[in-house]
């Protein structure tokens, strides 16, 4: 009985090209979805950073009775003075900021030097964390002065400067009069007035940065994290007195 020859099966060149084309099309279709997932991960990491920073600020505030300054009288930024409360995550091992809670993973500029990195890509609210160096007439805000901790922003995504670090505080978003009970900076009638968004571009200084799907992520004085679209930040979200 004659033996049957078993032929070897193999892809033809045409089948191979069709398969490659299909894989290419699928990859092209999946890219937007993968990009969205990546941005969501970055936003989640940024929110975690802000939550940890807010917790560090709260610990320092509870220990000292007043909110720490954004810049102290000797010129040190909050990113330096709060280092003991950040659990070793205040400075990265390299200029890219990997491993630091002070750097938003979606920031656009990488600081060229570690010394510039210390200013982070986040800025704090100067109505709460006062600037004692450049506004020496102001005083630190006591822990009991913030009556609406669930409404007042503490720290947020900040516009980066040319060296890669954000301003210590977002001083450009509004004029900052002295916060005292006798001279409130915002009233019942102006509390819901919209704060200017600013240029939302790097480099600049002292503005919010809407890095995450055109939203700026913030941590409030009570520690919870949220985000704002442009044109939705109000006076009451900045000022603690009215």
C-alpha atoms as a PDB file:
ATOM      1  CA  UNK A   1       0.000   0.000   0.000  1.00  0.00           C
ATOM      2  CA  UNK A   2       1.578   3.296  -1.106  1.00  0.00           C
ATOM      3  CA  UNK A   3       2.448   5.738   1.662  1.00  0.00           C
ATOM      4  CA  UNK A   4       0.736   9.083   1.609  1.00  0.00           C
ATOM      5  CA  UNK A   5       3.017  12.123   1.604  1.00  0.00           C
ATOM      6  CA  UNK A   6       2.144  14.486   4.408  1.00  0.00           C
ATOM      7  CA  UNK A   7       2.690  18.043   3.245  1.00  0.00           C
ATOM      8  CA  UNK A   8       3.995  20.714   5.578  1.00  0.00           C
ATOM      9  CA  UNK A   9       1.512  23.538   6.271  1.00  0.00           C
ATOM     10  CA  UNK A  10       2.946  27.046   6.221  1.00  0.00           C
ATOM     11  CA  UNK A  11       1.773  30.628   5.849  1.00  0.00           C
ATOM     12  CA  UNK A  12       1.951  31.972   2.393  1.00  0.00           C
ATOM     13  CA  UNK A  13       3.544  35.395   1.911  1.00  0.00           C
ATOM     14  CA  UNK A  14       0.097  36.908   1.316  1.00  0.00           C
ATOM     15  CA  UNK A  15      -1.288  35.446   4.545  1.00  0.00           C
ATOM     16  CA  UNK A  16       1.719  36.747   6.459  1.00  0.00           C
ATOM     17  CA  UNK A  17       1.283  40.258   5.052  1.00  0.00           C
ATOM     18  CA  UNK A  18      -2.436  40.211   5.863  1.00  0.00           C
ATOM     19  CA  UNK A  19      -1.686  39.128   9.452  1.00  0.00           C
ATOM     20  CA  UNK A  20       0.898  41.892   9.869  1.00  0.00           C
ATOM     21  CA  UNK A  21      -1.560  44.431   8.476  1.00  0.00           C
ATOM     22  CA  UNK A  22      -4.299  43.296  10.889  1.00  0.00           C
ATOM     23  CA  UNK A  23      -1.907  43.524  13.856  1.00  0.00           C
ATOM     24  CA  UNK A  24      -0.898  47.007  12.720  1.00  0.00           C
ATOM     25  CA  UNK A  25      -4.517  48.155  12.449  1.00  0.00           C
ATOM     26  CA  UNK A  26      -5.389  46.723  15.864  1.00  0.00           C
ATOM     27  CA  UNK A  27      -2.352  48.400  17.417  1.00  0.00           C
ATOM     28  CA  UNK A  28      -3.382  51.708  15.833  1.00  0.00           C
ATOM     29  CA  UNK A  29      -6.899  51.339  17.195  1.00  0.00           C
ATOM     30  CA  UNK A  30      -5.627  50.445  20.675  1.00  0.00           C
ATOM     31  CA  UNK A  31      -3.177  53.357  20.980  1.00  0.00           C
ATOM     32  CA  UNK A  32      -5.783  55.938  22.087  1.00  0.00           C
ATOM     33  CA  UNK A  33      -7.108  53.516  24.708  1.00  0.00           C
ATOM     34  CA  UNK A  34      -3.590  52.791  25.993  1.00  0.00           C
ATOM     35  CA  UNK A  35      -2.844  56.506  26.079  1.00  0.00           C
ATOM     36  CA  UNK A  36      -6.028  57.118  28.082  1.00  0.00           C
ATOM     37  CA  UNK A  37      -5.111  54.401  30.569  1.00  0.00           C
ATOM     38  CA  UNK A  38      -1.624  55.881  30.923  1.00  0.00           C
ATOM     39  CA  UNK A  39      -3.032  59.354  31.605  1.00  0.00           C
ATOM     40  CA  UNK A  40      -5.467  57.923  34.130  1.00  0.00           C
ATOM     41  CA  UNK A  41      -2.586  56.253  35.946  1.00  0.00           C
ATOM     42  CA  UNK A  42      -0.686  59.535  35.995  1.00  0.00           C
ATOM     43  CA  UNK A  43      -3.715  61.382  37.349  1.00  0.00           C
ATOM     44  CA  UNK A  44      -4.154  58.732  40.030  1.00  0.00           C
ATOM     45  CA  UNK A  45      -0.479  58.997  41.020  1.00  0.00           C
ATOM     46  CA  UNK A  46      -0.765  62.789  41.136  1.00  0.00           C
ATOM     47  CA  UNK A  47      -3.815  62.544  43.388  1.00  0.00           C
ATOM     48  CA  UNK A  48      -1.903  60.222  45.706  1.00  0.00           C
ATOM     49  CA  UNK A  49       0.982  62.726  45.814  1.00  0.00           C
ATOM     50  CA  UNK A  50      -1.348  65.575  46.718  1.00  0.00           C
ATOM     51  CA  UNK A  51      -3.016  63.509  49.431  1.00  0.00           C
ATOM     52  CA  UNK A  52       0.366  62.707  51.005  1.00  0.00           C
ATOM     53  CA  UNK A  53       1.477  66.347  50.805  1.00  0.00           C
ATOM     54  CA  UNK A  54      -1.775  67.496  52.434  1.00  0.00           C
ATOM     55  CA  UNK A  55      -1.235  64.922  55.192  1.00  0.00           C
ATOM     56  CA  UNK A  56       2.320  66.194  55.775  1.00  0.00           C
ATOM     57  CA  UNK A  57       1.053  69.790  55.960  1.00  0.00           C
ATOM     58  CA  UNK A  58      -1.651  68.716  58.415  1.00  0.00           C
ATOM     59  CA  UNK A  59       0.879  66.938  60.647  1.00  0.00           C
ATOM     60  CA  UNK A  60       3.133  70.000  60.676  1.00  0.00           C
ATOM     61  CA  UNK A  61       0.141  72.237  61.398  1.00  0.00           C
ATOM     62  CA  UNK A  62      -1.095  70.099  64.290  1.00  0.00           C
ATOM     63  CA  UNK A  63       2.380  70.017  65.766  1.00  0.00           C
ATOM     64  CA  UNK A  64       2.978  73.768  65.526  1.00  0.00           C
ATOM     65  CA  UNK A  65      -0.535  75.208  65.785  1.00  0.00           C
ATOM     66  CA  UNK A  66      -0.150  77.181  62.534  1.00  0.00           C
ATOM     67  CA  UNK A  67       0.088  76.245  58.874  1.00  0.00           C
ATOM     68  CA  UNK A  68       3.717  76.161  57.722  1.00  0.00           C
ATOM     69  CA  UNK A  69       4.742  79.075  55.472  1.00  0.00           C
ATOM     70  CA  UNK A  70       5.121  78.614  51.724  1.00  0.00           C
ATOM     71  CA  UNK A  71       8.455  80.423  52.118  1.00  0.00           C
ATOM     72  CA  UNK A  72       9.924  81.056  55.555  1.00  0.00           C
ATOM     73  CA  UNK A  73      11.845  84.158  56.645  1.00  0.00           C
ATOM     74  CA  UNK A  74      15.172  82.595  55.652  1.00  0.00           C
ATOM     75  CA  UNK A  75      13.921  81.817  52.123  1.00  0.00           C
ATOM     76  CA  UNK A  76      13.327  78.088  52.497  1.00  0.00           C
ATOM     77  CA  UNK A  77      10.433  76.686  50.477  1.00  0.00           C
ATOM     78  CA  UNK A  78       7.781  74.466  52.029  1.00  0.00           C
ATOM     79  CA  UNK A  79       9.186  71.557  50.044  1.00  0.00           C
ATOM     80  CA  UNK A  80      12.298  71.760  52.231  1.00  0.00           C
ATOM     81  CA  UNK A  81      10.749  72.608  55.597  1.00  0.00           C
ATOM     82  CA  UNK A  82       8.166  69.824  55.242  1.00  0.00           C
ATOM     83  CA  UNK A  83      10.748  67.160  54.373  1.00  0.00           C
ATOM     84  CA  UNK A  84      10.627  65.564  57.871  1.00  0.00           C
ATOM     85  CA  UNK A  85       6.879  65.018  57.443  1.00  0.00           C
ATOM     86  CA  UNK A  86       7.074  63.469  53.976  1.00  0.00           C
ATOM     87  CA  UNK A  87       8.518  60.127  55.035  1.00  0.00           C
ATOM     88  CA  UNK A  88      11.692  60.322  52.963  1.00  0.00           C
ATOM     89  CA  UNK A  89       9.782  61.047  49.755  1.00  0.00           C
ATOM     90  CA  UNK A  90      10.606  64.745  49.555  1.00  0.00           C
ATOM     91  CA  UNK A  91      13.651  64.450  47.283  1.00  0.00           C
ATOM     92  CA  UNK A  92      14.219  62.079  44.379  1.00  0.00           C
ATOM     93  CA  UNK A  93      17.466  60.300  43.617  1.00  0.00           C
ATOM     94  CA  UNK A  94      17.677  61.929  40.217  1.00  0.00           C
ATOM     95  CA  UNK A  95      16.509  65.171  38.575  1.00  0.00           C
ATOM     96  CA  UNK A  96      13.574  63.440  36.875  1.00  0.00           C
ATOM     97  CA  UNK A  97      11.830  63.242  40.236  1.00  0.00           C
ATOM     98  CA  UNK A  98      11.223  59.496  40.206  1.00  0.00           C
ATOM     99  CA  UNK A  99       9.998  58.332  43.584  1.00  0.00           C
ATOM    100  CA  UNK A 100       9.081  61.743  44.945  1.00  0.00           C
ATOM    101  CA  UNK A 101       5.622  62.850  46.034  1.00  0.00           C
ATOM    102  CA  UNK A 102       6.587  66.407  45.069  1.00  0.00           C
ATOM    103  CA  UNK A 103       6.521  65.733  41.342  1.00  0.00           C
ATOM    104  CA  UNK A 104       3.426  65.296  39.187  1.00  0.00           C
ATOM    105  CA  UNK A 105       4.073  62.462  36.694  1.00  0.00           C
ATOM    106  CA  UNK A 106       2.325  64.512  33.991  1.00  0.00           C
ATOM    107  CA  UNK A 107       4.590  67.577  34.323  1.00  0.00           C
ATOM    108  CA  UNK A 108       6.109  68.735  31.039  1.00  0.00           C
ATOM    109  CA  UNK A 109       9.512  70.085  32.138  1.00  0.00           C
ATOM    110  CA  UNK A 110      12.244  68.009  33.767  1.00  0.00           C
ATOM    111  CA  UNK A 111      14.452  70.063  36.113  1.00  0.00           C
ATOM    112  CA  UNK A 112      18.051  69.902  34.830  1.00  0.00           C
ATOM    113  CA  UNK A 113      19.523  70.010  38.337  1.00  0.00           C
ATOM    114  CA  UNK A 114      18.598  68.389  41.637  1.00  0.00           C
ATOM    115  CA  UNK A 115      18.867  71.771  43.333  1.00  0.00           C
ATOM    116  CA  UNK A 116      16.092  73.088  41.102  1.00  0.00           C
ATOM    117  CA  UNK A 117      13.959  70.008  41.597  1.00  0.00           C
ATOM    118  CA  UNK A 118      13.320  70.811  45.273  1.00  0.00           C
ATOM    119  CA  UNK A 119      10.602  73.291  44.267  1.00  0.00           C
ATOM    120  CA  UNK A 120       8.473  70.469  42.861  1.00  0.00           C
ATOM    121  CA  UNK A 121       5.631  70.727  40.338  1.00  0.00           C
ATOM    122  CA  UNK A 122       3.052  71.621  42.985  1.00  0.00           C
ATOM    123  CA  UNK A 123       2.183  74.987  44.507  1.00  0.00           C
ATOM    124  CA  UNK A 124       0.405  75.786  47.759  1.00  0.00           C
ATOM    125  CA  UNK A 125      -2.313  78.286  48.607  1.00  0.00           C
ATOM    126  CA  UNK A 126      -0.641  81.509  49.858  1.00  0.00           C
ATOM    127  CA  UNK A 127      -3.804  82.533  51.718  1.00  0.00           C
ATOM    128  CA  UNK A 128      -3.245  79.504  53.976  1.00  0.00           C
ATOM    129  CA  UNK A 129       0.507  78.919  53.763  1.00  0.00           C
ATOM    130  CA  UNK A 130       1.796  82.465  53.853  1.00  0.00           C
ATOM    131  CA  UNK A 131       4.947  83.846  52.253  1.00  0.00           C
ATOM    132  CA  UNK A 132       6.957  85.233  55.175  1.00  0.00           C
ATOM    133  CA  UNK A 133       9.955  86.304  53.099  1.00  0.00           C
ATOM    134  CA  UNK A 134       8.394  88.438  50.367  1.00  0.00           C
ATOM    135  CA  UNK A 135       5.271  89.403  52.317  1.00  0.00           C
ATOM    136  CA  UNK A 136       6.854  90.008  55.714  1.00  0.00           C
ATOM    137  CA  UNK A 137       3.802  91.940  56.937  1.00  0.00           C
ATOM    138  CA  UNK A 138       1.744  88.763  56.898  1.00  0.00           C
ATOM    139  CA  UNK A 139       1.549  86.215  59.691  1.00  0.00           C
ATOM    140  CA  UNK A 140       1.065  82.457  59.703  1.00  0.00           C
ATOM    141  CA  UNK A 141      -2.502  81.158  59.652  1.00  0.00           C
ATOM    142  CA  UNK A 142      -3.597  79.317  62.775  1.00  0.00           C
ATOM    143  CA  UNK A 143      -5.154  75.875  62.534  1.00  0.00           C
ATOM    144  CA  UNK A 144      -8.493  77.173  63.849  1.00  0.00           C
ATOM    145  CA  UNK A 145      -8.671  80.025  61.328  1.00  0.00           C
ATOM    146  CA  UNK A 146      -9.768  77.801  58.450  1.00  0.00           C
ATOM    147  CA  UNK A 147     -13.520  77.430  58.998  1.00  0.00           C
ATOM    148  CA  UNK A 148     -14.274  75.651  55.711  1.00  0.00           C
ATOM    149  CA  UNK A 149     -11.525  73.013  55.317  1.00  0.00           C
ATOM    150  CA  UNK A 150     -13.598  71.023  52.814  1.00  0.00           C
ATOM    151  CA  UNK A 151     -13.809  74.062  50.480  1.00  0.00           C
ATOM    152  CA  UNK A 152     -10.384  75.706  50.803  1.00  0.00           C
ATOM    153  CA  UNK A 153      -7.601  74.438  48.520  1.00  0.00           C
ATOM    154  CA  UNK A 154      -4.312  73.665  50.251  1.00  0.00           C
ATOM    155  CA  UNK A 155      -2.037  72.445  47.431  1.00  0.00           C
ATOM    156  CA  UNK A 156      -2.503  71.993  43.681  1.00  0.00           C
ATOM    157  CA  UNK A 157      -0.829  71.330  40.331  1.00  0.00           C
ATOM    158  CA  UNK A 158       1.302  74.397  39.601  1.00  0.00           C
ATOM    159  CA  UNK A 159       2.680  75.890  36.392  1.00  0.00           C
ATOM    160  CA  UNK A 160       6.369  75.064  36.030  1.00  0.00           C
ATOM    161  CA  UNK A 161       9.034  77.729  35.670  1.00  0.00           C
ATOM    162  CA  UNK A 162      11.904  77.619  33.185  1.00  0.00           C
ATOM    163  CA  UNK A 163      14.122  75.620  35.581  1.00  0.00           C
ATOM    164  CA  UNK A 164      11.407  72.960  35.930  1.00  0.00           C
ATOM    165  CA  UNK A 165      10.099  73.742  39.406  1.00  0.00           C
ATOM    166  CA  UNK A 166       6.724  75.308  40.140  1.00  0.00           C
ATOM    167  CA  UNK A 167       6.414  78.455  42.248  1.00  0.00           C
ATOM    168  CA  UNK A 168       6.214  77.787  45.975  1.00  0.00           C
ATOM    169  CA  UNK A 169       2.650  79.131  45.887  1.00  0.00           C
ATOM    170  CA  UNK A 170       0.096  80.137  43.235  1.00  0.00           C
ATOM    171  CA  UNK A 171       0.361  83.838  44.032  1.00  0.00           C
ATOM    172  CA  UNK A 172      -0.809  84.950  40.578  1.00  0.00           C
ATOM    173  CA  UNK A 173      -4.325  83.567  40.816  1.00  0.00           C
ATOM    174  CA  UNK A 174      -5.554  86.479  42.901  1.00  0.00           C
ATOM    175  CA  UNK A 175      -4.429  89.464  44.920  1.00  0.00           C
ATOM    176  CA  UNK A 176      -3.714  88.326  48.436  1.00  0.00           C
ATOM    177  CA  UNK A 177      -4.686  90.880  51.087  1.00  0.00           C
ATOM    178  CA  UNK A 178      -3.930  90.131  54.708  1.00  0.00           C
ATOM    179  CA  UNK A 179      -6.171  87.403  56.091  1.00  0.00           C
ATOM    180  CA  UNK A 180      -7.611  88.665  59.386  1.00  0.00           C
ATOM    181  CA  UNK A 181     -11.055  88.516  60.893  1.00  0.00           C
ATOM    182  CA  UNK A 182     -11.280  92.315  60.807  1.00  0.00           C
ATOM    183  CA  UNK A 183     -10.336  92.657  57.142  1.00  0.00           C
ATOM    184  CA  UNK A 184     -11.819  89.684  55.270  1.00  0.00           C
ATOM    185  CA  UNK A 185     -10.455  89.256  51.779  1.00  0.00           C
ATOM    186  CA  UNK A 186     -13.668  87.842  50.347  1.00  0.00           C
ATOM    187  CA  UNK A 187     -17.273  88.540  51.302  1.00  0.00           C
ATOM    188  CA  UNK A 188     -20.564  86.668  51.002  1.00  0.00           C
ATOM    189  CA  UNK A 189     -21.258  88.541  47.780  1.00  0.00           C
ATOM    190  CA  UNK A 190     -17.871  87.755  46.191  1.00  0.00           C
ATOM    191  CA  UNK A 191     -17.296  84.213  47.521  1.00  0.00           C
ATOM    192  CA  UNK A 192     -18.614  82.638  44.314  1.00  0.00           C
ATOM    193  CA  UNK A 193     -16.702  84.931  41.959  1.00  0.00           C
ATOM    194  CA  UNK A 194     -14.544  82.908  39.559  1.00  0.00           C
ATOM    195  CA  UNK A 195     -10.757  83.029  39.983  1.00  0.00           C
ATOM    196  CA  UNK A 196      -8.699  83.595  36.825  1.00  0.00           C
ATOM    197  CA  UNK A 197      -7.238  80.341  35.462  1.00  0.00           C
ATOM    198  CA  UNK A 198      -4.005  81.890  34.193  1.00  0.00           C
ATOM    199  CA  UNK A 199      -2.046  80.919  31.067  1.00  0.00           C
ATOM    200  CA  UNK A 200      -1.914  77.157  31.806  1.00  0.00           C
ATOM    201  CA  UNK A 201       1.419  76.878  29.998  1.00  0.00           C
ATOM    202  CA  UNK A 202       5.005  76.142  30.991  1.00  0.00           C
ATOM    203  CA  UNK A 203       7.132  78.031  31.731  1.00  0.00           C
ATOM    204  CA  UNK A 204       5.310  80.685  33.747  1.00  0.00           C
ATOM    205  CA  UNK A 205       4.892  81.266  37.462  1.00  0.00           C
ATOM    206  CA  UNK A 206       2.266  81.307  40.178  1.00  0.00           C
ATOM    207  CA  UNK A 207      -0.706  79.824  38.311  1.00  0.00           C
ATOM    208  CA  UNK A 208      -2.729  76.630  38.338  1.00  0.00           C
ATOM    209  CA  UNK A 209      -1.744  73.959  35.801  1.00  0.00           C
ATOM    210  CA  UNK A 210      -4.571  71.954  34.215  1.00  0.00           C
ATOM    211  CA  UNK A 211      -2.454  68.896  33.424  1.00  0.00           C
ATOM    212  CA  UNK A 212      -5.007  66.116  33.671  1.00  0.00           C
ATOM    213  CA  UNK A 213      -7.515  66.107  30.822  1.00  0.00           C
ATOM    214  CA  UNK A 214      -7.789  69.910  31.124  1.00  0.00           C
ATOM    215  CA  UNK A 215      -8.309  69.678  34.889  1.00  0.00           C
ATOM    216  CA  UNK A 216      -6.189  70.802  37.808  1.00  0.00           C
ATOM    217  CA  UNK A 217      -5.935  68.401  40.723  1.00  0.00           C
ATOM    218  CA  UNK A 218      -6.044  69.818  44.237  1.00  0.00           C
ATOM    219  CA  UNK A 219      -5.958  68.719  47.859  1.00  0.00           C
ATOM    220  CA  UNK A 220      -8.155  70.570  50.319  1.00  0.00           C
ATOM    221  CA  UNK A 221      -7.376  71.609  53.878  1.00  0.00           C
ATOM    222  CA  UNK A 222      -9.343  68.601  55.159  1.00  0.00           C
ATOM    223  CA  UNK A 223      -7.118  66.267  53.123  1.00  0.00           C
ATOM    224  CA  UNK A 224      -9.507  65.114  50.391  1.00  0.00           C
ATOM    225  CA  UNK A 225      -8.484  65.349  46.739  1.00  0.00           C
ATOM    226  CA  UNK A 226     -10.546  66.658  43.846  1.00  0.00           C
ATOM    227  CA  UNK A 227     -10.152  68.338  40.454  1.00  0.00           C
ATOM    228  CA  UNK A 228     -11.397  71.518  38.801  1.00  0.00           C
ATOM    229  CA  UNK A 229     -12.165  72.374  35.209  1.00  0.00           C
ATOM    230  CA  UNK A 230     -11.167  75.796  33.955  1.00  0.00           C
ATOM    231  CA  UNK A 231     -13.468  78.560  35.086  1.00  0.00           C
ATOM    232  CA  UNK A 232     -14.782  76.657  38.118  1.00  0.00           C
ATOM    233  CA  UNK A 233     -12.411  77.767  40.901  1.00  0.00           C
ATOM    234  CA  UNK A 234     -14.021  80.369  43.151  1.00  0.00           C
ATOM    235  CA  UNK A 235     -12.807  82.942  45.647  1.00  0.00           C
ATOM    236  CA  UNK A 236     -14.098  80.764  48.479  1.00  0.00           C
ATOM    237  CA  UNK A 237     -11.761  77.988  47.322  1.00  0.00           C
ATOM    238  CA  UNK A 238      -8.758  80.243  47.937  1.00  0.00           C
ATOM    239  CA  UNK A 239      -9.586  82.488  50.858  1.00  0.00           C
ATOM    240  CA  UNK A 240     -10.298  81.147  54.306  1.00  0.00           C
ATOM    241  CA  UNK A 241     -12.058  84.240  55.662  1.00  0.00           C
ATOM    242  CA  UNK A 242     -15.421  85.754  54.721  1.00  0.00           C
END
